[in-house]
N, C-alpha and C. Protein backbone atom coordinates (compact mmCIF):
# COMPACT_ATOMS: atom_id res chain seq x y z
N UNK A 1 16.47 7.17 -23.72
CA UNK A 1 16.47 6.01 -23.60
C UNK A 1 16.61 5.82 -21.98
N UNK A 2 15.26 4.87 -22.81
CA UNK A 2 15.22 4.93 -20.86
C UNK A 2 15.64 3.28 -20.01
N UNK A 3 16.85 3.54 -19.49
CA UNK A 3 17.45 2.52 -19.31
C UNK A 3 16.38 1.50 -17.14
N UNK A 4 16.06 0.74 -17.88
CA UNK A 4 15.23 -0.23 -16.74
C UNK A 4 15.78 -1.40 -16.09
N UNK A 5 16.07 -1.78 -15.57
CA UNK A 5 16.73 -3.26 -14.46
C UNK A 5 14.88 -3.59 -13.72
N UNK A 6 14.87 -5.43 -14.18
CA UNK A 6 14.41 -6.11 -14.19
C UNK A 6 15.27 -6.51 -12.70
N UNK A 7 15.14 -6.37 -10.70
CA UNK A 7 14.99 -7.73 -9.96
C UNK A 7 14.61 -8.67 -9.42
N UNK A 8 15.11 -9.26 -9.23
CA UNK A 8 14.55 -10.52 -9.40
C UNK A 8 15.23 -11.83 -9.60
N UNK A 9 15.76 -12.88 -8.79
CA UNK A 9 15.72 -14.26 -8.78
C UNK A 9 15.66 -15.20 -9.63
N UNK A 10 14.55 -14.93 -10.85
CA UNK A 10 13.63 -15.58 -11.55
C UNK A 10 13.76 -15.37 -12.92
N UNK A 11 15.31 -15.87 -12.87
CA UNK A 11 16.18 -14.72 -14.09
C UNK A 11 14.88 -15.64 -16.07
N UNK A 12 14.30 -16.64 -15.94
CA UNK A 12 13.71 -17.33 -16.90
C UNK A 12 12.42 -15.63 -17.28
N UNK A 13 11.79 -15.15 -16.27
CA UNK A 13 10.92 -14.26 -15.90
C UNK A 13 11.30 -12.43 -15.81
N UNK A 14 12.13 -12.64 -16.15
CA UNK A 14 13.29 -11.54 -16.40
C UNK A 14 13.76 -11.52 -17.91
N UNK A 15 13.90 -12.48 -18.28
CA UNK A 15 14.60 -13.17 -19.93
C UNK A 15 13.32 -12.19 -20.62
N UNK A 16 11.76 -13.26 -20.36
CA UNK A 16 11.06 -12.66 -21.03
C UNK A 16 10.28 -11.52 -20.64
N UNK A 17 11.44 -10.75 -19.36
CA UNK A 17 10.26 -9.77 -20.17
C UNK A 17 10.94 -8.12 -20.85
N UNK A 18 12.19 -9.62 -20.95
CA UNK A 18 13.44 -8.51 -21.78
C UNK A 18 13.53 -7.64 -22.74
N UNK A 19 13.26 -9.15 -23.62
CA UNK A 19 13.01 -9.86 -24.49
C UNK A 19 11.37 -9.76 -25.16
N UNK A 20 9.90 -9.65 -24.32
CA UNK A 20 9.17 -8.96 -25.05
C UNK A 20 8.96 -7.14 -25.43
N UNK A 21 9.23 -6.79 -24.25
CA UNK A 21 10.43 -5.26 -23.99
C UNK A 21 10.96 -4.55 -26.24
N UNK A 22 11.73 -6.06 -26.49
CA UNK A 22 12.74 -5.85 -27.54
C UNK A 22 11.70 -5.33 -28.31
N UNK A 23 11.15 -5.80 -28.25
CA UNK A 23 9.81 -6.14 -29.67
C UNK A 23 9.25 -5.03 -29.52
N UNK A 24 8.86 -3.21 -28.88
CA UNK A 24 8.69 -2.79 -29.40
C UNK A 24 10.03 -1.70 -29.06
N UNK A 25 11.12 -1.16 -30.00
CA UNK A 25 11.67 -0.09 -30.12
C UNK A 25 11.62 0.64 -30.49
N UNK A 26 10.26 0.88 -30.53
CA UNK A 26 9.29 2.15 -30.52
C UNK A 26 10.01 3.27 -28.68
N UNK A 27 9.71 2.55 -27.76
CA UNK A 27 9.39 2.64 -27.03
C UNK A 27 11.18 3.37 -26.42
N UNK A 28 11.65 3.28 -26.68
CA UNK A 28 12.75 3.65 -26.54
C UNK A 28 12.46 2.80 -24.89
N UNK A 29 13.21 1.99 -24.78
CA UNK A 29 13.66 0.83 -23.67
C UNK A 29 14.94 0.24 -23.47
N UNK A 30 15.97 0.46 -22.97
CA UNK A 30 17.41 -0.21 -22.65
C UNK A 30 17.39 -0.90 -21.56
N UNK A 31 17.05 -2.04 -21.16
CA UNK A 31 16.63 -3.77 -20.16
C UNK A 31 18.31 -4.33 -19.76
N UNK A 32 17.93 -4.18 -19.21
CA UNK A 32 18.91 -5.14 -17.12
C UNK A 32 18.50 -5.75 -16.80
N UNK A 33 19.33 -7.53 -16.44
CA UNK A 33 19.24 -8.44 -15.84
C UNK A 33 19.59 -8.10 -14.30
N UNK A 34 19.34 -7.68 -13.28
CA UNK A 34 20.07 -7.07 -11.81
C UNK A 34 19.35 -9.10 -10.81
N UNK A 35 19.34 -9.78 -10.94
CA UNK A 35 19.69 -10.88 -10.63
C UNK A 35 20.08 -11.27 -9.41
N UNK A 36 21.11 -10.62 -9.30
CA UNK A 36 21.46 -10.99 -7.33
C UNK A 36 21.69 -10.46 -6.17
N UNK A 37 20.17 -10.17 -5.62
CA UNK A 37 19.48 -8.94 -4.81
C UNK A 37 20.46 -8.94 -3.65
N UNK A 38 21.89 -9.73 -2.83
CA UNK A 38 22.46 -8.90 -2.46
C UNK A 38 23.39 -7.22 -3.21
N UNK A 39 23.62 -7.19 -4.42
CA UNK A 39 23.74 -5.93 -4.64
C UNK A 39 23.73 -5.67 -6.14
N UNK A 40 21.92 -6.06 -6.14
CA UNK A 40 20.88 -5.61 -7.72
C UNK A 40 20.73 -3.40 -7.27
N UNK A 41 21.52 -3.34 -5.11
CA UNK A 41 21.45 -1.60 -5.82
C UNK A 41 22.68 -0.86 -6.66
N UNK A 42 23.21 -1.34 -6.17
CA UNK A 42 24.82 -0.99 -6.35
C UNK A 42 25.01 -1.74 -8.22
N UNK A 43 24.35 -2.54 -9.21
CA UNK A 43 24.94 -3.13 -9.91
C UNK A 43 23.64 -1.99 -10.48
N UNK A 44 22.33 -1.26 -9.90
CA UNK A 44 21.41 -0.83 -10.33
C UNK A 44 21.37 0.36 -11.04
N UNK A 45 22.36 1.42 -9.58
CA UNK A 45 23.75 2.31 -9.61
C UNK A 45 24.64 2.57 -11.25
N UNK A 46 25.51 1.78 -10.85
CA UNK A 46 26.39 1.29 -12.06
C UNK A 46 26.15 1.97 -12.77
N UNK A 47 24.68 0.78 -14.16
CA UNK A 47 24.32 1.52 -14.93
C UNK A 47 23.82 2.16 -15.64
N UNK A 48 23.43 3.47 -14.26
CA UNK A 48 22.20 3.91 -14.27
C UNK A 48 20.83 4.09 -14.74
N UNK A 49 20.28 3.39 -13.87
CA UNK A 49 19.23 2.26 -13.79
C UNK A 49 18.12 4.08 -13.52
N UNK A 50 17.39 4.14 -14.64
CA UNK A 50 15.82 4.88 -14.86
C UNK A 50 14.78 3.55 -13.80
N UNK A 51 13.85 3.48 -14.04
CA UNK A 51 13.76 2.63 -13.22
C UNK A 51 13.76 1.39 -12.47
N UNK A 52 13.77 0.60 -12.03
CA UNK A 52 13.99 0.10 -11.63
C UNK A 52 12.35 -1.04 -11.41
N UNK A 53 11.80 -2.59 -12.29
CA UNK A 53 11.60 -3.32 -11.61
C UNK A 53 11.74 -4.00 -11.09
N UNK A 54 11.36 -3.92 -9.42
CA UNK A 54 11.05 -5.12 -8.90
C UNK A 54 10.44 -6.27 -7.79
N UNK A 55 10.23 -7.21 -8.25
CA UNK A 55 10.16 -8.78 -8.37
C UNK A 55 9.53 -8.90 -6.65
N UNK A 56 8.70 -8.83 -6.31
CA UNK A 56 8.63 -8.93 -4.56
C UNK A 56 8.18 -11.04 -5.33
N UNK A 57 9.06 -11.37 -4.32
CA UNK A 57 9.60 -13.19 -3.74
C UNK A 57 8.44 -13.51 -3.72
N UNK A 58 7.52 -14.50 -3.46
CA UNK A 58 6.61 -15.41 -2.94
C UNK A 58 7.60 -16.51 -1.83
N UNK A 59 7.12 -16.33 -0.55
CA UNK A 59 7.91 -17.20 0.26
C UNK A 59 7.95 -16.40 1.35
N UNK A 60 9.08 -16.75 2.84
CA UNK A 60 8.76 -15.98 3.72
C UNK A 60 9.27 -14.80 3.95
N UNK A 61 9.48 -14.17 5.18
CA UNK A 61 9.11 -12.88 6.04
C UNK A 61 10.43 -12.21 4.88
N UNK A 62 11.54 -13.11 5.38
CA UNK A 62 13.05 -13.09 5.00
C UNK A 62 13.21 -11.78 3.82
N UNK A 63 12.73 -12.56 2.85
CA UNK A 63 12.62 -12.25 1.10
C UNK A 63 11.76 -10.62 1.53
N UNK A 64 10.98 -10.54 1.90
CA UNK A 64 9.96 -9.23 2.20
C UNK A 64 10.91 -7.84 2.93
N UNK A 65 11.55 -9.74 3.14
CA UNK A 65 12.68 -7.18 3.97
C UNK A 65 13.43 -6.98 2.83
N UNK A 66 13.89 -8.12 2.59
CA UNK A 66 15.28 -8.19 1.65
C UNK A 66 14.61 -7.18 0.41
N UNK A 67 13.79 -7.42 -0.16
CA UNK A 67 13.66 -6.04 -1.68
C UNK A 67 13.39 -5.69 -0.59
N UNK A 68 12.13 -4.76 0.10
CA UNK A 68 12.22 -3.30 1.36
C UNK A 68 14.19 -2.36 1.49
N UNK A 69 15.25 -3.79 1.83
CA UNK A 69 16.15 -3.12 2.13
C UNK A 69 16.92 -2.32 0.38
N UNK A 70 16.34 -3.38 -0.69
CA UNK A 70 16.45 -3.03 -1.85
C UNK A 70 16.02 -1.90 -2.29
N UNK A 71 14.89 -1.70 -2.10
CA UNK A 71 13.89 -0.22 -2.77
C UNK A 71 14.35 0.24 -1.43
N UNK A 72 14.75 0.12 -0.54
CA UNK A 72 15.15 1.66 0.44
C UNK A 72 17.01 2.24 -0.36
N UNK A 73 17.44 0.75 -0.66
CA UNK A 73 18.59 1.68 -0.90
C UNK A 73 18.68 2.54 -2.15
N UNK A 74 18.16 1.59 -3.26
CA UNK A 74 17.92 2.19 -4.50
C UNK A 74 17.39 3.75 -3.43
N UNK A 75 16.07 4.04 -3.15
CA UNK A 75 16.37 6.10 -2.98
C UNK A 75 17.37 6.19 -3.03
N UNK A 76 18.32 5.38 -2.00
CA UNK A 76 19.78 5.85 -1.37
C UNK A 76 20.48 7.10 -2.18
N UNK A 77 21.03 5.15 -3.23
CA UNK A 77 21.51 5.51 -4.31
C UNK A 77 21.05 6.04 -5.86
N UNK A 78 20.19 6.24 -5.43
CA UNK A 78 19.79 6.99 -6.75
C UNK A 78 18.00 7.25 -6.94
N UNK A 79 18.12 8.78 -6.07
CA UNK A 79 16.94 9.54 -5.90
C UNK A 79 15.87 10.11 -7.45
N UNK A 80 16.72 9.24 -8.71
CA UNK A 80 15.81 9.33 -8.82
C UNK A 80 15.31 8.37 -10.05
N UNK A 81 15.65 7.68 -9.48
CA UNK A 81 15.63 5.96 -10.20
C UNK A 81 13.47 6.21 -9.59
N UNK A 82 12.81 5.36 -10.46
CA UNK A 82 11.69 4.77 -10.77
C UNK A 82 11.23 4.27 -10.15
N UNK A 83 10.90 3.25 -8.66
CA UNK A 83 10.68 1.66 -8.13
C UNK A 83 9.36 2.00 -8.97
N UNK A 84 8.99 0.12 -9.29
CA UNK A 84 7.61 -0.95 -9.50
C UNK A 84 8.18 -2.22 -9.29
N UNK A 85 7.35 -2.44 -7.95
CA UNK A 85 6.83 -3.51 -7.71
C UNK A 85 5.75 -4.46 -8.30
N UNK A 86 6.63 -5.44 -8.42
CA UNK A 86 5.88 -6.47 -9.16
C UNK A 86 4.98 -7.86 -8.24
N UNK A 87 4.15 -7.65 -8.28
CA UNK A 87 3.87 -8.54 -6.55
C UNK A 87 2.30 -9.63 -7.18
N UNK A 88 2.86 -11.26 -6.94
CA UNK A 88 2.24 -11.77 -7.17
C UNK A 88 0.08 -11.78 -6.40
N UNK A 89 -0.70 -11.82 -6.98
CA UNK A 89 -2.56 -11.01 -6.07
C UNK A 89 -2.78 -11.87 -5.00
N UNK A 90 -2.18 -13.44 -5.53
CA UNK A 90 -2.93 -13.55 -4.16
C UNK A 90 -2.18 -13.88 -2.32
N UNK A 91 -0.24 -12.94 -2.97
CA UNK A 91 0.63 -13.66 -2.28
C UNK A 91 0.32 -12.96 -0.99
N UNK A 92 -0.56 -12.50 -0.02
CA UNK A 92 -1.31 -11.70 1.59
C UNK A 92 0.28 -10.52 1.84
N UNK A 93 0.95 -11.42 2.04
CA UNK A 93 1.92 -11.07 2.61
C UNK A 93 3.18 -9.98 1.97
N UNK A 94 3.68 -10.41 1.24
CA UNK A 94 3.77 -9.55 -0.74
C UNK A 94 3.46 -8.48 -0.70
N UNK A 95 1.96 -8.39 -1.59
CA UNK A 95 0.94 -7.21 -1.16
C UNK A 95 0.35 -6.66 0.66
N UNK A 96 0.92 -6.52 1.08
CA UNK A 96 0.77 -6.02 1.87
C UNK A 96 2.26 -5.72 2.58
N UNK A 97 3.71 -5.63 1.99
CA UNK A 97 4.45 -4.59 1.92
C UNK A 97 4.39 -4.44 1.70
N UNK A 98 3.52 -3.77 -0.18
CA UNK A 98 4.09 -3.83 -1.39
C UNK A 98 3.53 -2.04 -0.38
N UNK A 99 1.85 -2.39 0.01
CA UNK A 99 1.26 -1.60 0.04
C UNK A 99 2.42 -0.69 1.62
N UNK A 100 3.09 -0.78 2.05
CA UNK A 100 3.35 -0.46 3.37
C UNK A 100 4.28 0.19 2.66
N UNK A 101 5.11 0.14 1.05
CA UNK A 101 6.34 0.57 0.61
C UNK A 101 5.32 1.72 0.02
N UNK A 102 4.01 1.49 -0.77
CA UNK A 102 4.13 3.05 -1.60
C UNK A 102 3.46 3.75 -0.63
N UNK A 103 2.59 3.78 0.81
CA UNK A 103 2.86 4.65 1.95
C UNK A 103 3.35 5.11 1.64
N UNK A 104 4.72 4.60 2.06
CA UNK A 104 5.96 5.25 2.35
C UNK A 104 7.06 5.83 1.95
N UNK A 105 6.43 5.90 0.37
CA UNK A 105 7.36 6.35 0.02
C UNK A 105 8.71 6.01 -0.25
N UNK A 106 8.85 4.69 -0.97
CA UNK A 106 9.95 3.80 -0.79
C UNK A 106 9.63 3.15 -3.14
N UNK A 107 8.56 2.86 -2.59
CA UNK A 107 7.79 2.60 -4.34
C UNK A 107 7.49 4.02 -4.74
N UNK A 108 7.25 3.65 -6.24
CA UNK A 108 6.58 5.01 -6.40
C UNK A 108 5.25 4.22 -7.17
N UNK A 109 5.68 2.98 -7.76
CA UNK A 109 3.63 2.30 -7.72
C UNK A 109 4.00 1.28 -8.37
N UNK A 110 3.32 -0.17 -8.68
CA UNK A 110 3.55 -1.74 -8.31
C UNK A 110 2.05 -2.08 -9.52
N UNK A 111 2.68 -2.97 -9.57
CA UNK A 111 1.57 -3.74 -10.66
C UNK A 111 1.60 -5.73 -10.10
N UNK A 112 0.32 -5.88 -10.07
CA UNK A 112 0.46 -7.34 -10.64
C UNK A 112 -0.06 -8.45 -11.66
N UNK A 113 1.07 -9.62 -10.80
CA UNK A 113 1.86 -9.88 -11.53
C UNK A 113 0.64 -10.59 -13.28
N UNK A 114 -0.96 -10.35 -12.76
CA UNK A 114 -1.68 -10.76 -13.92
C UNK A 114 -2.41 -9.87 -14.91
N UNK A 115 -1.14 -8.54 -14.57
CA UNK A 115 -1.33 -7.37 -15.35
C UNK A 115 -1.22 -7.84 -16.83
N UNK A 116 -1.46 -7.09 -18.10
CA UNK A 116 -0.66 -7.03 -19.37
C UNK A 116 0.51 -6.98 -19.68
N UNK A 117 0.48 -7.14 -20.71
CA UNK A 117 1.92 -6.56 -20.31
C UNK A 117 1.97 -5.62 -21.10
N UNK A 118 0.68 -4.71 -21.74
CA UNK A 118 0.54 -3.86 -22.07
C UNK A 118 0.67 -2.69 -21.41
N UNK A 119 0.15 -3.31 -19.94
CA UNK A 119 -0.42 -2.36 -19.18
C UNK A 119 1.16 -1.58 -18.54
N UNK A 120 2.25 -2.64 -18.39
CA UNK A 120 2.78 -3.00 -17.64
C UNK A 120 3.71 -1.96 -18.41
N UNK A 121 3.84 -1.69 -20.11
CA UNK A 121 4.96 -0.90 -20.75
C UNK A 121 4.59 0.50 -20.86
N UNK A 122 2.78 0.51 -20.37
CA UNK A 122 2.60 1.93 -20.29
C UNK A 122 3.34 2.76 -18.82
N UNK A 123 3.01 1.03 -17.82
CA UNK A 123 3.13 1.96 -16.66
C UNK A 123 4.53 2.38 -16.77
N UNK A 124 5.14 1.69 -17.21
CA UNK A 124 6.57 2.32 -17.48
C UNK A 124 7.41 3.37 -18.23
N UNK A 125 6.40 3.85 -19.04
CA UNK A 125 6.56 4.71 -20.04
C UNK A 125 6.06 5.76 -19.04
N UNK A 126 5.27 5.69 -18.59
CA UNK A 126 4.52 6.88 -17.02
C UNK A 126 5.49 7.57 -16.20
N UNK A 127 6.75 5.86 -15.50
CA UNK A 127 7.79 6.20 -14.95
C UNK A 127 9.16 7.42 -15.54
């Protein structure tokens, strides 16, 4: 069973994704909601997450810095954990941060919000 943690402050979004994934039990995914950004990496470590889906929060640069810190912390705590960033396509700072994170191998891959659920599930299977 692949353990997937959704790291976001958007509870409704994370619950919707987790509920959607439960409609595909053959994929073998177990989902966890990691809604407290201050302890997301610690929670992921305790829950032994295999894939972290990190929501790039639209807003000030403080949030972008927080997201990068979480991803770096995940790399240290769970080196085997794959990290997938979810990025709003219209948020230029988030796109830039994501490209830097991919280039520096802080994250493994990214996905824009406007991608289909099927495409996201394919990425999660691949990771």
